[in-house]
Protein backbone atom coordinates (compact mmCIF):
# COMPACT_ATOMS: atom_id res chain seq x y z
CA UNK A 1 0.11 0.11 -0.21
CA UNK A 2 1.65 3.63 -0.81
CA UNK A 3 0.82 6.35 1.73
CA UNK A 4 1.09 9.66 0.56
CA UNK A 5 2.07 11.98 3.14
CA UNK A 6 1.74 15.43 3.50
CA UNK A 7 3.46 17.68 6.19
CA UNK A 8 6.26 16.11 7.57
CA UNK A 9 7.39 18.66 10.39
CA UNK A 10 7.57 17.87 14.09
CA UNK A 11 4.44 15.43 14.17
CA UNK A 12 4.57 14.68 10.89
CA UNK A 13 8.07 13.17 9.90
CA UNK A 14 8.41 10.40 12.93
CA UNK A 15 4.81 9.37 12.18
CA UNK A 16 5.85 8.81 8.14
CA UNK A 17 9.27 7.49 9.26
CA UNK A 18 7.05 4.91 11.89
CA UNK A 19 4.75 3.84 9.04
CA UNK A 20 8.04 3.63 6.44
CA UNK A 21 9.73 1.30 8.71
CA UNK A 22 6.01 -0.85 8.66
CA UNK A 23 6.52 -1.68 5.69
CA UNK A 24 4.30 0.44 3.84
CA UNK A 25 5.79 2.64 0.70
CA UNK A 26 5.67 6.48 1.23
CA UNK A 27 4.89 9.35 -1.19
CA UNK A 28 5.98 12.88 -0.63
CA UNK A 29 5.18 16.01 -1.92
CA UNK A 30 7.30 19.01 -2.45
CA UNK A 31 3.92 21.45 -1.59
CA UNK A 32 5.30 23.49 1.48
CA UNK A 33 9.06 22.18 1.43
CA UNK A 34 11.94 19.89 0.40
CA UNK A 35 10.97 16.27 1.74
CA UNK A 36 13.11 15.02 4.47
CA UNK A 37 16.05 13.49 3.22
CA UNK A 38 15.80 10.47 5.70
CA UNK A 39 12.56 9.41 4.02
CA UNK A 40 14.49 9.96 0.61
CA UNK A 41 17.11 7.66 0.94
CA UNK A 42 14.84 4.97 2.64
CA UNK A 43 12.96 4.97 -0.43
CA UNK A 44 10.26 7.77 -0.10
CA UNK A 45 8.96 8.41 -3.72
CA UNK A 46 8.86 12.69 -4.14
CA UNK A 47 6.02 13.90 -6.44
CA UNK A 48 5.88 18.04 -6.81
CA UNK A 49 1.95 18.31 -5.64
CA UNK A 50 -0.48 16.91 -3.50
CA UNK A 51 -2.56 15.99 -6.76
CA UNK A 52 0.38 13.81 -7.86
CA UNK A 53 0.99 12.23 -4.87
CA UNK A 54 -3.14 11.83 -4.63
CA UNK A 55 -2.48 9.76 -8.14
CA UNK A 56 -0.03 7.92 -6.83
CA UNK A 57 -1.41 6.66 -3.31
CA UNK A 58 -3.84 4.64 -2.44
CA UNK A 59 -4.05 6.72 1.04
CA UNK A 60 -3.77 10.30 1.50
CA UNK A 61 -2.71 11.50 5.30
CA UNK A 62 -2.45 15.27 5.99
CA UNK A 63 -0.34 16.40 9.01
CA UNK A 64 0.17 20.30 8.61
CA UNK A 65 -0.39 23.09 10.97
CA UNK A 66 -4.10 24.66 10.64
CA UNK A 67 -7.10 24.66 8.74
CA UNK A 68 -6.71 27.21 5.88
CA UNK A 69 -3.23 24.57 5.12
CA UNK A 70 -5.61 21.94 5.00
CA UNK A 71 -8.17 23.78 2.72
CA UNK A 72 -5.18 24.73 0.70
CA UNK A 73 -3.49 20.57 0.42
CA UNK A 74 -6.78 19.58 -0.40
CA UNK A 75 -8.77 22.03 -2.51
CA UNK A 76 -6.28 24.11 -3.81
CA UNK A 77 -4.30 24.33 -7.20
CA UNK A 78 -3.29 20.85 -7.81
CA UNK A 79 -4.53 19.56 -4.63
CA UNK A 80 -5.89 16.06 -3.64
CA UNK A 81 -9.59 16.80 -4.77
CA UNK A 82 -7.95 16.99 -8.36
CA UNK A 83 -6.05 13.73 -7.93
CA UNK A 84 -9.33 11.70 -6.85
CA UNK A 85 -11.20 9.96 -9.63
CA UNK A 86 -14.53 9.18 -9.06
CA UNK A 87 -13.95 5.47 -9.15
CA UNK A 88 -10.52 5.44 -7.14
CA UNK A 89 -12.26 4.49 -3.34
CA UNK A 90 -9.38 6.66 -1.99
CA UNK A 91 -8.98 7.00 1.66
CA UNK A 92 -8.44 10.63 2.95
CA UNK A 93 -7.32 11.14 6.64
CA UNK A 94 -6.85 14.53 8.27
CA UNK A 95 -4.54 13.64 11.08
CA UNK A 96 -4.08 17.83 11.76
CA UNK A 97 -5.93 19.85 14.04
CA UNK A 98 -8.23 22.15 12.83
CA UNK A 99 -11.93 23.26 12.81
CA UNK A 100 -14.92 20.86 13.14
CA UNK A 101 -17.14 22.64 11.29
CA UNK A 102 -14.53 23.13 8.21
CA UNK A 103 -13.88 19.41 8.70
CA UNK A 104 -17.70 18.69 7.84
CA UNK A 105 -17.12 20.42 4.94
CA UNK A 106 -14.13 19.06 3.62
CA UNK A 107 -15.68 15.99 4.13
CA UNK A 108 -18.72 16.05 1.73
CA UNK A 109 -16.85 17.27 -0.35
CA UNK A 110 -13.85 14.69 -0.46
CA UNK A 111 -17.09 12.23 -0.16
CA UNK A 112 -18.58 14.02 -2.91
CA UNK A 113 -15.10 12.94 -4.82
CA UNK A 114 -15.59 9.48 -4.55
CA UNK A 115 -12.94 9.02 -1.89
CA UNK A 116 -13.39 7.85 1.69
CA UNK A 117 -12.73 11.01 4.47
CA UNK A 118 -11.50 10.76 8.05
CA UNK A 119 -10.87 13.55 10.64
CA UNK A 120 -8.06 11.87 13.13
CA UNK A 121 -5.88 14.13 15.24
CA UNK A 122 -3.69 13.07 17.47
CA UNK A 123 -2.36 13.52 21.23
CA UNK A 124 0.78 12.88 22.43
CA UNK A 125 3.28 15.59 21.12
CA UNK A 126 7.18 14.95 19.69
CA UNK A 127 7.55 11.94 22.09
CA UNK A 128 4.08 10.27 21.15
CA UNK A 129 4.67 10.56 17.48
CA UNK A 130 8.46 9.10 17.65
CA UNK A 131 7.47 6.26 19.88
CA UNK A 132 4.38 5.20 18.04
CA UNK A 133 2.12 6.04 21.28
CA UNK A 134 -0.20 8.68 20.11
CA UNK A 135 -3.93 8.94 21.02
CA UNK A 136 -5.97 9.15 17.96
CA UNK A 137 -9.27 10.79 17.94
CA UNK A 138 -11.71 9.59 14.69
CA UNK A 139 -14.74 11.18 13.22
CA UNK A 140 -16.00 9.30 9.88
CA UNK A 141 -17.91 6.01 9.29
CA UNK A 142 -16.89 2.67 10.25
CA UNK A 143 -16.06 1.34 7.14
CA UNK A 144 -13.43 4.41 5.96
CA UNK A 145 -12.45 3.66 10.50
CA UNK A 146 -11.81 -0.37 9.93
CA UNK A 147 -9.52 0.05 6.35
CA UNK A 148 -7.56 3.03 8.17
CA UNK A 149 -6.87 1.28 11.59
CA UNK A 150 -3.96 -1.14 10.54
CA UNK A 151 -2.36 2.41 9.40
CA UNK A 152 -3.34 3.83 12.81
CA UNK A 153 -1.93 1.04 14.72
CA UNK A 154 1.44 1.58 13.61
CA UNK A 155 1.07 5.03 14.95
CA UNK A 156 -0.52 5.41 18.41
CA UNK A 157 -1.99 2.99 21.09
CA UNK A 158 -4.98 4.76 22.22
CA UNK A 159 -7.66 4.86 18.69
CA UNK A 160 -11.28 5.79 19.11
CA UNK A 161 -14.27 6.15 16.46
CA UNK A 162 -15.70 9.40 18.21
CA UNK A 163 -18.35 9.45 15.84
CA UNK A 164 -19.79 11.13 12.67
CA UNK A 165 -16.68 13.89 10.71
CA UNK A 166 -15.79 16.38 12.69
CA UNK A 167 -16.08 14.27 16.20
CA UNK A 168 -12.30 13.48 15.99
CA UNK A 169 -11.72 17.34 15.76
CA UNK A 170 -14.27 18.03 18.20
CA UNK A 171 -12.86 15.76 20.75
CA UNK A 172 -9.05 16.76 19.97
CA UNK A 173 -10.24 20.47 20.82
CA UNK A 174 -11.45 19.19 24.39
CA UNK A 175 -8.48 17.44 24.86
CA UNK A 176 -6.43 20.77 24.11
CA UNK A 177 -8.35 22.46 26.74
CA UNK A 178 -7.12 19.93 29.28
CA UNK A 179 -3.95 19.77 28.33
CA UNK A 180 -3.73 23.59 28.34
CA UNK A 181 -5.57 23.64 32.34
CA UNK A 182 -3.00 21.27 33.19
CA UNK A 183 -0.34 23.01 32.14
CA UNK A 184 -1.25 26.25 33.74
CA UNK A 185 -1.94 24.50 37.19
CA UNK A 186 1.45 22.61 36.98
CA UNK A 187 3.01 25.75 36.23
CA UNK A 188 1.50 27.92 38.85
CA UNK A 189 1.92 25.18 41.39
CA UNK A 190 5.86 24.71 40.91
CA UNK A 191 6.04 28.46 40.78
CA UNK A 192 3.90 28.72 44.05
CA UNK A 193 6.68 26.62 45.58
CA UNK A 194 9.35 28.01 44.40
CA UNK A 195 8.50 31.16 45.83
CA UNK A 196 7.85 29.47 49.26
CA UNK A 197 11.58 28.13 49.17
CA UNK A 198 10.90 24.91 48.40
CA UNK A 199 12.82 23.05 45.68
CA UNK A 200 10.84 22.99 42.62
CA UNK A 201 12.32 19.30 41.74
CA UNK A 202 11.68 17.83 44.56
CA UNK A 203 8.12 19.00 45.03
CA UNK A 204 7.33 17.57 41.49
CA UNK A 205 9.14 14.24 42.83
CA UNK A 206 6.71 13.87 45.87
CA UNK A 207 4.22 15.39 43.74
CA UNK A 208 4.46 12.44 41.04
CA UNK A 209 3.09 9.81 43.65
CA UNK A 210 0.08 11.68 44.71
CA UNK A 211 -3.05 12.17 43.47
CA UNK A 212 -2.04 15.27 41.61
CA UNK A 213 0.09 13.08 39.11
CA UNK A 214 -0.58 13.44 35.55
CA UNK A 215 1.72 13.01 32.48
CA UNK A 216 1.86 16.55 32.02
CA UNK A 217 3.55 17.01 35.73
CA UNK A 218 5.58 14.30 34.53
CA UNK A 219 6.81 15.40 31.63
CA UNK A 220 6.09 19.33 31.46
CA UNK A 221 6.88 19.51 34.91
CA UNK A 222 10.71 18.74 34.02
CA UNK A 223 10.87 20.70 31.36
CA UNK A 224 9.76 23.45 33.77
CA UNK A 225 12.25 22.57 36.14
CA UNK A 226 14.86 21.80 33.99
CA UNK A 227 14.41 24.92 31.40
CA UNK A 228 14.16 23.15 28.21
CA UNK A 229 11.12 24.74 25.85
CA UNK A 230 12.53 23.67 22.58
CA UNK A 231 9.41 22.89 20.32
CA UNK A 232 7.61 19.55 21.00
CA UNK A 233 4.34 21.25 20.59
CA UNK A 234 4.40 25.13 20.42
CA UNK A 235 2.87 27.71 21.92
CA UNK A 236 1.41 29.03 18.60
CA UNK A 237 0.05 25.49 17.72
CA UNK A 238 -1.70 25.59 20.95
CA UNK A 239 -2.97 29.25 20.96
CA UNK A 240 -4.97 28.18 17.24
CA UNK A 241 -6.58 25.21 19.05
CA UNK A 242 -7.75 27.01 21.86
CA UNK A 243 -8.86 30.04 19.85
CA UNK A 244 -10.81 27.04 17.93
CA UNK A 245 -12.18 25.99 21.46
CA UNK A 246 -13.14 29.29 22.18
CA UNK A 247 -14.82 30.36 19.07
CA UNK A 248 -16.93 27.22 19.56
CA UNK A 249 -18.12 27.45 22.48
CA UNK A 250 -19.18 31.34 21.53
CA UNK A 251 -21.60 29.17 19.26
CA UNK A 252 -22.80 26.98 21.73
CA UNK A 253 -22.94 29.40 24.27
CA UNK A 254 -20.90 27.63 26.85
CA UNK A 255 -18.62 29.13 29.44
CA UNK A 256 -14.52 28.15 29.42
CA UNK A 257 -13.47 30.59 31.79
CA UNK A 258 -10.17 29.07 32.41
CA UNK A 259 -9.73 28.16 28.93
CA UNK A 260 -10.40 31.96 28.03
CA UNK A 261 -7.31 32.77 31.12
CA UNK A 262 -4.98 30.01 29.51
CA UNK A 263 -4.85 31.63 26.19
CA UNK A 264 -4.17 34.93 27.84
CA UNK A 265 -1.21 33.57 29.31
CA UNK A 266 0.00 31.92 26.24
CA UNK A 267 -0.53 35.19 24.41
CA UNK A 268 1.73 36.54 27.04
CA UNK A 269 4.45 34.05 26.19
CA UNK A 270 4.06 34.96 22.41
CA UNK A 271 4.90 38.65 23.49
CA UNK A 272 8.00 37.35 25.50
CA UNK A 273 9.11 36.41 22.34
CA UNK A 274 8.15 32.79 22.94
CA UNK A 275 5.23 31.75 20.20
CA UNK A 276 7.40 29.11 19.28
CA UNK A 277 8.28 27.77 22.52
CA UNK A 278 6.74 24.45 23.83
CA UNK A 279 3.39 25.43 25.38
CA UNK A 280 5.37 24.23 28.54
CA UNK A 281 6.55 27.30 28.79
CA UNK A 282 3.72 29.00 29.84
CA UNK A 283 4.73 28.52 33.13
CA UNK A 284 7.38 31.85 32.12
CA UNK A 285 3.87 34.07 31.77
CA UNK A 286 3.10 32.55 35.41
CA UNK A 287 6.32 33.72 36.42
CA UNK A 288 6.68 37.01 34.78
CA UNK A 289 3.48 38.09 37.21
CA UNK A 290 4.82 36.70 39.89
CA UNK A 291 8.95 38.44 39.35
CA UNK A 292 10.16 34.66 40.32
CA UNK A 293 11.67 31.94 38.10
CA UNK A 294 12.02 28.27 39.56
CA UNK A 295 15.32 27.98 37.63
CA UNK A 296 18.43 30.32 38.18
CA UNK A 297 18.18 31.95 35.08
């Protein structure tokens, strides 16, 4: 089976590498940038447009930053849609994190072209992508999901068909709310402990054994203590996801007060020059407000 993989950034590259290692033939497009050398040297085919990549492949996977990029890859000049034949029965899987509302319209249009469509955003960050332990939240029909499952199993561990088209993206927005608020909670706790005179590294270690334990405390708490904010997931991308949450909440008349606050804190980090920091660097906004760093920097 040939898989066209479009979007080989922080998350997409290790995902494509895992599929290649599992025996799938990978097809790349230089639509955004030059394809990664490590994929090409291992046999990946390079095409010059999403259209050409789609014509060559059985399955098309998108892993790009935002809704406009997905729309461009799917429906722009020489896009995926142009590479779909009415009888192709190809499968298009968008694993980006984008608008649930736009996803529904994208799915309808791709299905009208004779192909199947799944929205399948992921959680787990760069580490999960590298280790193939991602959580995959899927929207679409059962037939397409069953067809895609062997592919998903090479990328993640927790694979769930949430509902119809758009449900995967809705689930991902909910995920990003939880992640953001956990990052904020860990940030506040460590800054509080440090300013009160306790060693934040030891506080984190103690909390790992109790009810406050979480993946965020384990992974991002360590990043906060050590000051290692190279992006596994950029603040700018989390801002994008929370904007989807807040826009949806307004339409649904749902109150998300703490999500609003987390977005403000991410914005303060961006003003400090941190759009491309890892989202665990939200702690820097709490530190700035508290006039106190938990590190010796």
